[in-house]
């Protein structure tokens, strides 16, 4: 079982950028799918992106592809989400999540809240127009 702590949220204007971090304790394991989700007020939590802890394969929701970049630094035990060209509809609480997987391709199939068992506390991102 890992513990996750997010940081890096804030308030920016449309078109701006932020970098979110998620420190993973004790470490990012090979057989782990690391995900990013977001939840806007009054809406369901939605999947944004994922990365396989070992292989580094990345996956994105269509709404953020080309604007957001997920990465991980295993030496620093940290997951990142770079948010560029931000839009007001990107506003919400961003959560990182983790789940054990046996194979890399299983990470590509994990896009639901129920697919992940470990969650961080979230960090707020607010984008103004």
N, C-alpha and C. Protein backbone atom coordinates (compact mmCIF):
# COMPACT_ATOMS: atom_id res chain seq x y z
N UNK A 1 0.85 -1.20 0.00
CA UNK A 1 0.00 0.00 0.00
C UNK A 1 0.88 1.24 0.00
N UNK A 2 0.60 2.18 -0.92
CA UNK A 2 1.36 3.41 -0.98
C UNK A 2 0.52 4.55 -0.43
N UNK A 3 1.19 5.62 -0.09
CA UNK A 3 0.51 6.86 0.31
C UNK A 3 0.84 7.94 -0.71
N UNK A 4 -0.12 8.80 -0.99
CA UNK A 4 0.00 9.79 -2.04
C UNK A 4 -0.30 11.18 -1.49
N UNK A 5 0.55 12.14 -1.82
CA UNK A 5 0.34 13.52 -1.38
C UNK A 5 0.54 14.46 -2.56
N UNK A 6 -0.54 15.14 -2.98
CA UNK A 6 -0.48 16.05 -4.11
C UNK A 6 -0.13 17.47 -3.67
N UNK A 7 0.43 18.22 -4.62
CA UNK A 7 0.69 19.64 -4.42
C UNK A 7 0.79 20.31 -5.78
N UNK A 8 0.87 21.64 -5.77
CA UNK A 8 1.11 22.36 -7.01
C UNK A 8 -0.10 23.04 -7.61
N UNK A 9 -1.26 22.85 -7.01
CA UNK A 9 -2.44 23.52 -7.54
C UNK A 9 -2.37 25.02 -7.32
N UNK A 10 -3.31 25.74 -7.93
CA UNK A 10 -3.35 27.19 -7.78
C UNK A 10 -4.37 27.80 -8.70
N UNK A 11 -4.31 29.12 -8.80
CA UNK A 11 -5.23 29.87 -9.66
C UNK A 11 -4.45 30.50 -10.80
N UNK A 12 -4.92 30.29 -12.02
CA UNK A 12 -4.26 30.84 -13.19
C UNK A 12 -5.32 31.35 -14.16
N UNK A 13 -4.87 32.17 -15.09
CA UNK A 13 -5.78 32.62 -16.14
C UNK A 13 -5.76 31.61 -17.29
N UNK A 14 -6.80 31.66 -18.08
CA UNK A 14 -6.89 30.78 -19.24
C UNK A 14 -5.65 30.96 -20.12
N UNK A 15 -5.13 29.83 -20.59
CA UNK A 15 -3.91 29.84 -21.38
C UNK A 15 -2.66 29.62 -20.56
N UNK A 16 -2.79 29.69 -19.25
CA UNK A 16 -1.65 29.52 -18.37
C UNK A 16 -1.29 28.07 -18.14
N UNK A 17 -0.28 27.86 -17.28
CA UNK A 17 0.23 26.52 -17.01
C UNK A 17 0.42 26.30 -15.51
N UNK A 18 0.36 25.05 -15.13
CA UNK A 18 0.66 24.62 -13.77
C UNK A 18 1.33 23.26 -13.86
N UNK A 19 2.11 22.92 -12.83
CA UNK A 19 2.64 21.57 -12.72
C UNK A 19 2.23 20.99 -11.37
N UNK A 20 1.50 19.92 -11.42
CA UNK A 20 1.08 19.22 -10.22
C UNK A 20 2.07 18.12 -9.88
N UNK A 21 2.28 17.90 -8.59
CA UNK A 21 3.16 16.84 -8.12
C UNK A 21 2.40 15.91 -7.20
N UNK A 22 2.83 14.67 -7.17
CA UNK A 22 2.25 13.69 -6.26
C UNK A 22 3.40 12.85 -5.72
N UNK A 23 3.71 13.05 -4.46
CA UNK A 23 4.78 12.28 -3.83
C UNK A 23 4.23 10.93 -3.41
N UNK A 24 4.92 9.87 -3.81
CA UNK A 24 4.48 8.50 -3.56
C UNK A 24 5.37 7.87 -2.50
N UNK A 25 4.77 7.44 -1.40
CA UNK A 25 5.51 6.78 -0.33
C UNK A 25 5.07 5.33 -0.21
N UNK A 26 6.01 4.36 -0.08
CA UNK A 26 7.44 4.61 -0.01
C UNK A 26 8.12 4.81 -1.37
N UNK A 27 7.49 4.32 -2.45
CA UNK A 27 8.12 4.44 -3.77
C UNK A 27 7.11 4.13 -4.86
N UNK A 28 7.51 4.43 -6.12
CA UNK A 28 6.70 4.05 -7.28
C UNK A 28 7.15 2.65 -7.69
N UNK A 29 6.30 1.68 -7.53
CA UNK A 29 6.64 0.30 -7.84
C UNK A 29 6.47 0.02 -9.33
N UNK A 30 7.22 -1.00 -9.79
CA UNK A 30 7.13 -1.40 -11.20
C UNK A 30 5.70 -1.74 -11.59
N UNK A 31 5.06 -2.54 -10.78
CA UNK A 31 3.73 -3.06 -11.13
C UNK A 31 2.61 -2.18 -10.61
N UNK A 32 2.70 -0.89 -10.91
CA UNK A 32 1.69 0.05 -10.43
C UNK A 32 1.21 0.94 -11.57
N UNK A 33 -0.08 1.16 -11.63
CA UNK A 33 -0.65 2.14 -12.53
C UNK A 33 -0.93 3.39 -11.70
N UNK A 34 -0.35 4.51 -12.12
CA UNK A 34 -0.55 5.78 -11.43
C UNK A 34 -1.48 6.64 -12.27
N UNK A 35 -2.55 7.12 -11.67
CA UNK A 35 -3.53 7.90 -12.42
C UNK A 35 -3.73 9.29 -11.87
N UNK A 36 -4.22 10.17 -12.74
CA UNK A 36 -4.68 11.50 -12.35
C UNK A 36 -6.16 11.61 -12.68
N UNK A 37 -6.92 12.12 -11.75
CA UNK A 37 -8.35 12.38 -11.92
C UNK A 37 -8.62 13.83 -11.54
N UNK A 38 -9.78 14.32 -11.94
CA UNK A 38 -10.21 15.64 -11.48
C UNK A 38 -11.71 15.62 -11.23
N UNK A 39 -12.13 16.53 -10.35
CA UNK A 39 -13.56 16.62 -10.03
C UNK A 39 -13.94 18.09 -9.94
N UNK A 40 -14.83 18.48 -10.83
CA UNK A 40 -15.37 19.84 -10.81
C UNK A 40 -16.58 19.89 -9.88
N UNK A 41 -16.92 21.06 -9.36
CA UNK A 41 -18.06 21.17 -8.45
C UNK A 41 -19.33 20.63 -9.08
N UNK A 42 -20.01 19.76 -8.36
CA UNK A 42 -21.27 19.21 -8.83
C UNK A 42 -21.15 18.15 -9.90
N UNK A 43 -19.92 17.72 -10.20
CA UNK A 43 -19.73 16.73 -11.26
C UNK A 43 -19.03 15.49 -10.71
N UNK A 44 -19.11 14.43 -11.51
CA UNK A 44 -18.44 13.20 -11.13
C UNK A 44 -16.92 13.34 -11.31
N UNK A 45 -16.19 12.55 -10.54
CA UNK A 45 -14.74 12.51 -10.71
C UNK A 45 -14.42 11.86 -12.06
N UNK A 46 -13.58 12.52 -12.85
CA UNK A 46 -13.26 12.01 -14.17
C UNK A 46 -11.78 11.73 -14.31
N UNK A 47 -11.50 10.68 -15.07
CA UNK A 47 -10.12 10.29 -15.33
C UNK A 47 -9.48 11.28 -16.29
N UNK A 48 -8.22 11.62 -16.03
CA UNK A 48 -7.49 12.58 -16.86
C UNK A 48 -6.33 11.90 -17.58
N UNK A 49 -5.55 11.11 -16.83
CA UNK A 49 -4.34 10.54 -17.41
C UNK A 49 -3.84 9.42 -16.52
N UNK A 50 -2.95 8.60 -17.09
CA UNK A 50 -2.32 7.54 -16.30
C UNK A 50 -0.95 7.24 -16.86
N UNK A 51 -0.12 6.65 -16.01
CA UNK A 51 1.22 6.24 -16.43
C UNK A 51 1.57 4.95 -15.69
N UNK A 52 2.20 4.03 -16.40
CA UNK A 52 2.62 2.79 -15.77
C UNK A 52 3.93 3.04 -15.01
N UNK A 53 3.99 2.62 -13.77
CA UNK A 53 5.13 2.91 -12.92
C UNK A 53 6.44 2.35 -13.44
N UNK A 54 6.39 1.15 -14.04
CA UNK A 54 7.61 0.53 -14.54
C UNK A 54 7.94 0.92 -15.96
N UNK A 55 7.01 0.67 -16.89
CA UNK A 55 7.26 0.89 -18.31
C UNK A 55 7.24 2.37 -18.69
N UNK A 56 6.50 3.17 -17.94
CA UNK A 56 6.40 4.59 -18.27
C UNK A 56 5.42 4.90 -19.38
N UNK A 57 4.66 3.92 -19.82
CA UNK A 57 3.65 4.17 -20.86
C UNK A 57 2.61 5.15 -20.34
N UNK A 58 2.19 6.06 -21.20
CA UNK A 58 1.26 7.11 -20.79
C UNK A 58 -0.06 7.02 -21.53
N UNK A 59 -1.11 7.51 -20.88
CA UNK A 59 -2.46 7.43 -21.42
C UNK A 59 -3.20 8.72 -21.03
N UNK A 60 -4.05 9.22 -21.97
CA UNK A 60 -4.72 10.50 -21.74
C UNK A 60 -6.18 10.46 -22.16
N UNK A 61 -6.99 11.24 -21.44
CA UNK A 61 -8.35 11.48 -21.88
C UNK A 61 -8.31 12.41 -23.08
N UNK A 62 -9.29 12.27 -23.97
CA UNK A 62 -9.31 13.09 -25.17
C UNK A 62 -9.34 14.58 -24.89
N UNK A 63 -9.99 14.97 -23.80
CA UNK A 63 -10.16 16.39 -23.49
C UNK A 63 -8.85 17.08 -23.10
N UNK A 64 -7.83 16.31 -22.74
CA UNK A 64 -6.57 16.91 -22.29
C UNK A 64 -5.38 16.53 -23.17
N UNK A 65 -5.59 15.61 -24.09
CA UNK A 65 -4.48 15.14 -24.92
C UNK A 65 -3.90 16.30 -25.71
N UNK A 66 -2.59 16.42 -25.69
CA UNK A 66 -1.92 17.52 -26.38
C UNK A 66 -1.70 18.74 -25.50
N UNK A 67 -2.39 18.79 -24.37
CA UNK A 67 -2.23 19.93 -23.45
C UNK A 67 -1.58 19.52 -22.13
N UNK A 68 -1.89 18.33 -21.66
CA UNK A 68 -1.37 17.83 -20.39
C UNK A 68 -0.32 16.76 -20.66
N UNK A 69 0.67 16.68 -19.76
CA UNK A 69 1.70 15.65 -19.88
C UNK A 69 1.94 15.02 -18.51
N UNK A 70 1.81 13.70 -18.47
CA UNK A 70 2.06 12.96 -17.23
C UNK A 70 3.48 12.38 -17.30
N UNK A 71 4.16 12.37 -16.16
CA UNK A 71 5.50 11.80 -16.09
C UNK A 71 5.75 11.33 -14.67
N UNK A 72 6.83 10.58 -14.50
CA UNK A 72 7.21 10.19 -13.15
C UNK A 72 8.72 10.19 -13.03
N UNK A 73 9.18 10.51 -11.83
CA UNK A 73 10.59 10.49 -11.49
C UNK A 73 10.74 9.47 -10.38
N UNK A 74 11.22 8.29 -10.75
CA UNK A 74 11.25 7.21 -9.78
C UNK A 74 12.29 7.47 -8.70
N UNK A 75 13.36 8.16 -9.05
CA UNK A 75 14.38 8.49 -8.03
C UNK A 75 13.81 9.42 -6.97
N UNK A 76 12.91 10.29 -7.37
CA UNK A 76 12.29 11.23 -6.44
C UNK A 76 10.95 10.72 -5.90
N UNK A 77 10.55 9.53 -6.36
CA UNK A 77 9.26 8.95 -5.94
C UNK A 77 8.12 9.93 -6.16
N UNK A 78 8.12 10.59 -7.31
CA UNK A 78 7.14 11.63 -7.57
C UNK A 78 6.51 11.47 -8.94
N UNK A 79 5.21 11.65 -8.97
CA UNK A 79 4.41 11.67 -10.19
C UNK A 79 4.10 13.12 -10.50
N UNK A 80 4.12 13.46 -11.79
CA UNK A 80 3.83 14.84 -12.20
C UNK A 80 2.71 14.90 -13.22
N UNK A 81 2.02 16.03 -13.24
CA UNK A 81 1.08 16.32 -14.33
C UNK A 81 1.31 17.77 -14.73
N UNK A 82 1.85 17.96 -15.93
CA UNK A 82 2.06 19.29 -16.48
C UNK A 82 0.81 19.73 -17.21
N UNK A 83 0.23 20.84 -16.79
CA UNK A 83 -0.99 21.35 -17.38
C UNK A 83 -0.67 22.61 -18.18
N UNK A 84 -0.83 22.56 -19.49
CA UNK A 84 -0.59 23.70 -20.36
C UNK A 84 -1.88 24.11 -21.06
N UNK A 85 -1.89 25.33 -21.58
CA UNK A 85 -3.05 25.84 -22.32
C UNK A 85 -4.34 25.61 -21.54
N UNK A 86 -4.31 25.98 -20.29
CA UNK A 86 -5.44 25.70 -19.41
C UNK A 86 -6.69 26.46 -19.83
N UNK A 87 -7.83 25.81 -19.60
CA UNK A 87 -9.14 26.38 -19.94
C UNK A 87 -9.98 26.44 -18.66
N UNK A 88 -10.98 27.30 -18.61
CA UNK A 88 -11.85 27.35 -17.42
C UNK A 88 -12.47 25.99 -17.09
N UNK A 89 -12.75 25.19 -18.10
CA UNK A 89 -13.36 23.88 -17.84
C UNK A 89 -12.37 22.88 -17.24
N UNK A 90 -11.11 23.25 -17.11
CA UNK A 90 -10.14 22.40 -16.42
C UNK A 90 -10.18 22.60 -14.91
N UNK A 91 -10.98 23.55 -14.46
CA UNK A 91 -11.09 23.83 -13.03
C UNK A 91 -11.63 22.63 -12.27
N UNK A 92 -11.03 22.37 -11.11
CA UNK A 92 -11.49 21.27 -10.27
C UNK A 92 -10.42 20.86 -9.28
N UNK A 93 -10.76 19.88 -8.48
CA UNK A 93 -9.78 19.28 -7.58
C UNK A 93 -9.13 18.13 -8.33
N UNK A 94 -7.81 18.13 -8.35
CA UNK A 94 -7.04 17.09 -9.04
C UNK A 94 -6.49 16.11 -8.02
N UNK A 95 -6.73 14.83 -8.30
CA UNK A 95 -6.31 13.75 -7.42
C UNK A 95 -5.34 12.83 -8.14
N UNK A 96 -4.34 12.34 -7.42
CA UNK A 96 -3.56 11.23 -7.97
C UNK A 96 -4.03 9.95 -7.30
N UNK A 97 -3.85 8.84 -8.00
CA UNK A 97 -4.36 7.56 -7.55
C UNK A 97 -3.39 6.46 -7.98
N UNK A 98 -3.46 5.33 -7.28
CA UNK A 98 -2.56 4.23 -7.58
C UNK A 98 -3.30 2.90 -7.46
N UNK A 99 -2.88 1.95 -8.30
CA UNK A 99 -3.45 0.60 -8.24
C UNK A 99 -2.41 -0.38 -8.77
N UNK A 100 -2.30 -1.53 -8.13
CA UNK A 100 -1.39 -2.57 -8.60
C UNK A 100 -1.91 -3.16 -9.90
N UNK A 101 -1.00 -3.43 -10.83
CA UNK A 101 -1.34 -4.12 -12.07
C UNK A 101 -0.25 -5.16 -12.35
N UNK A 102 -0.64 -6.21 -13.06
CA UNK A 102 0.34 -7.23 -13.43
C UNK A 102 1.04 -6.88 -14.74
N UNK A 103 0.32 -6.21 -15.65
CA UNK A 103 0.87 -5.92 -16.97
C UNK A 103 0.61 -4.46 -17.36
N UNK A 104 1.50 -3.94 -18.20
CA UNK A 104 1.41 -2.56 -18.65
C UNK A 104 0.06 -2.26 -19.31
N UNK A 105 -0.44 -3.19 -20.15
CA UNK A 105 -1.66 -2.90 -20.90
C UNK A 105 -2.86 -2.73 -19.97
N UNK A 106 -2.79 -3.28 -18.78
CA UNK A 106 -3.90 -3.13 -17.83
C UNK A 106 -4.05 -1.68 -17.39
N UNK A 107 -2.97 -0.94 -17.41
CA UNK A 107 -3.04 0.48 -17.01
C UNK A 107 -3.88 1.26 -18.02
N UNK A 108 -3.80 0.89 -19.29
CA UNK A 108 -4.57 1.58 -20.32
C UNK A 108 -6.06 1.40 -20.11
N UNK A 109 -6.45 0.36 -19.42
CA UNK A 109 -7.87 0.06 -19.23
C UNK A 109 -8.42 0.64 -17.93
N UNK A 110 -7.59 1.26 -17.16
CA UNK A 110 -8.03 1.80 -15.86
C UNK A 110 -8.39 3.27 -16.02
N UNK A 111 -9.65 3.56 -16.23
CA UNK A 111 -10.08 4.94 -16.42
C UNK A 111 -11.30 5.29 -15.59
N UNK A 112 -11.60 4.44 -14.61
CA UNK A 112 -12.73 4.71 -13.75
C UNK A 112 -12.30 4.87 -12.30
N UNK A 113 -13.11 5.60 -11.56
CA UNK A 113 -12.80 5.83 -10.15
C UNK A 113 -12.65 4.50 -9.40
N UNK A 114 -13.47 3.53 -9.74
CA UNK A 114 -13.44 2.24 -9.05
C UNK A 114 -12.23 1.39 -9.42
N UNK A 115 -11.47 1.81 -10.43
CA UNK A 115 -10.30 1.05 -10.85
C UNK A 115 -9.08 1.31 -9.99
N UNK A 116 -9.16 2.31 -9.12
CA UNK A 116 -8.01 2.68 -8.29
C UNK A 116 -8.39 2.60 -6.82
N UNK A 117 -7.51 2.01 -6.01
CA UNK A 117 -7.82 1.79 -4.62
C UNK A 117 -7.15 2.75 -3.65
N UNK A 118 -6.13 3.46 -4.12
CA UNK A 118 -5.40 4.37 -3.25
C UNK A 118 -5.46 5.77 -3.84
N UNK A 119 -5.78 6.75 -2.99
CA UNK A 119 -5.99 8.13 -3.43
C UNK A 119 -5.25 9.12 -2.54
N UNK A 120 -4.86 10.23 -3.17
CA UNK A 120 -4.36 11.36 -2.41
C UNK A 120 -5.50 12.25 -1.96
N UNK A 121 -5.16 13.35 -1.30
CA UNK A 121 -6.18 14.23 -0.74
C UNK A 121 -6.66 15.27 -1.75
N UNK A 122 -5.94 15.45 -2.84
CA UNK A 122 -6.35 16.38 -3.89
C UNK A 122 -5.70 17.74 -3.77
N UNK A 123 -5.63 18.44 -4.90
CA UNK A 123 -5.11 19.80 -4.95
C UNK A 123 -5.99 20.60 -5.91
N UNK A 124 -6.35 21.81 -5.51
CA UNK A 124 -7.31 22.62 -6.27
C UNK A 124 -6.63 23.36 -7.41
N UNK A 125 -7.25 23.28 -8.59
CA UNK A 125 -6.84 24.05 -9.76
C UNK A 125 -8.01 24.91 -10.18
N UNK A 126 -7.77 26.22 -10.28
CA UNK A 126 -8.81 27.15 -10.70
C UNK A 126 -8.32 27.95 -11.89
N UNK A 127 -9.07 27.90 -12.99
CA UNK A 127 -8.70 28.60 -14.21
C UNK A 127 -9.77 29.64 -14.50
N UNK A 128 -9.36 30.89 -14.56
CA UNK A 128 -10.30 31.97 -14.82
C UNK A 128 -10.20 32.42 -16.27
N UNK A 129 -11.32 32.91 -16.78
CA UNK A 129 -11.36 33.33 -18.20
C UNK A 129 -10.96 34.78 -18.36
